[in-house]
Amino acid sequence: MAEVKIEDVVYHLDREFRRALVETIAQVAPNADYDEHAAFRFFQKRVYRHCSVWESIPDDLVRK
């Protein structure tokens, strides 16, 4: 099994994750009034809370 440092993955993909979060909120709560940056920071904290620093992933999900 390979391991990834989840905080670095989220940091590296922050633009993509933020866009996905904004699109998700727009779809499920179209009239919601929220701060995009605050929502993403909250999401990041929850990811770090629910994941280990290093997460194991199957080798076939990693390409080098």
Protein backbone atom coordinates (compact mmCIF):
# COMPACT_ATOMS: atom_id res chain seq x y z
CA MET A 1 0.00 0.00 0.00
CA ALA A 2 1.13 3.51 -0.77
CA GLU A 3 0.73 6.36 1.68
CA VAL A 4 -0.16 9.99 1.05
CA LYS A 5 0.15 12.93 3.38
CA ILE A 6 -3.47 14.05 3.31
CA GLU A 7 -2.82 17.66 4.33
CA ASP A 8 -0.44 18.10 1.41
CA VAL A 9 -2.91 16.50 -0.99
CA VAL A 10 -5.67 18.88 0.10
CA TYR A 11 -3.26 21.83 -0.10
CA HIS A 12 -2.05 20.80 -3.56
CA LEU A 13 -5.62 20.43 -4.87
CA ASP A 14 -7.13 23.34 -2.95
CA ARG A 15 -8.44 25.14 -6.06
CA GLU A 16 -10.10 22.02 -7.37
CA PHE A 17 -11.54 21.07 -3.98
CA ARG A 18 -12.79 24.62 -3.39
CA ARG A 19 -14.55 24.69 -6.77
CA ALA A 20 -16.11 21.30 -6.07
CA LEU A 21 -17.31 22.50 -2.66
CA VAL A 22 -18.82 25.70 -4.13
CA GLU A 23 -20.60 23.70 -6.84
CA THR A 24 -21.88 21.23 -4.26
CA ILE A 25 -23.30 23.96 -2.03
CA ALA A 26 -24.87 25.67 -5.05
CA GLN A 27 -26.57 22.41 -5.99
CA VAL A 28 -27.83 21.30 -2.57
CA ALA A 29 -28.50 24.73 -1.06
CA PRO A 30 -28.85 27.19 -3.96
CA ASN A 31 -30.02 30.06 -1.76
CA ALA A 32 -27.32 29.65 0.88
CA ASP A 33 -25.40 32.75 1.87
CA TYR A 34 -21.90 31.78 2.97
CA ASP A 35 -18.25 32.77 2.79
CA GLU A 36 -16.51 30.51 0.27
CA HIS A 37 -13.14 30.75 2.04
CA ALA A 38 -14.60 30.07 5.48
CA ALA A 39 -16.52 27.07 4.14
CA PHE A 40 -13.37 25.65 2.59
CA ARG A 41 -11.33 26.19 5.76
CA PHE A 42 -14.02 24.35 7.71
CA PHE A 43 -13.93 21.54 5.13
CA GLN A 44 -10.13 21.32 5.44
CA LYS A 45 -10.33 21.09 9.23
CA ARG A 46 -12.88 18.30 8.97
CA VAL A 47 -10.71 16.37 6.50
CA TYR A 48 -7.74 16.65 8.86
CA ARG A 49 -9.92 15.65 11.80
CA HIS A 50 -11.31 12.55 10.10
CA CYS A 51 -8.12 11.41 8.38
CA SER A 52 -4.73 10.38 9.65
CA VAL A 53 -1.72 12.51 8.75
CA TRP A 54 -0.62 9.69 6.46
CA GLU A 55 -3.43 7.78 4.74
CA SER A 56 -2.87 4.41 3.12
CA ILE A 57 -4.21 3.98 -0.38
CA PRO A 58 -4.01 0.98 -2.71
CA ASP A 59 -0.93 0.95 -4.91
CA ASP A 60 -3.05 0.81 -8.06
CA LEU A 61 -4.33 4.34 -7.28
CA VAL A 62 -0.82 5.79 -7.57
CA ARG A 63 0.99 6.38 -10.84
CA LYS A 64 4.62 7.42 -11.00
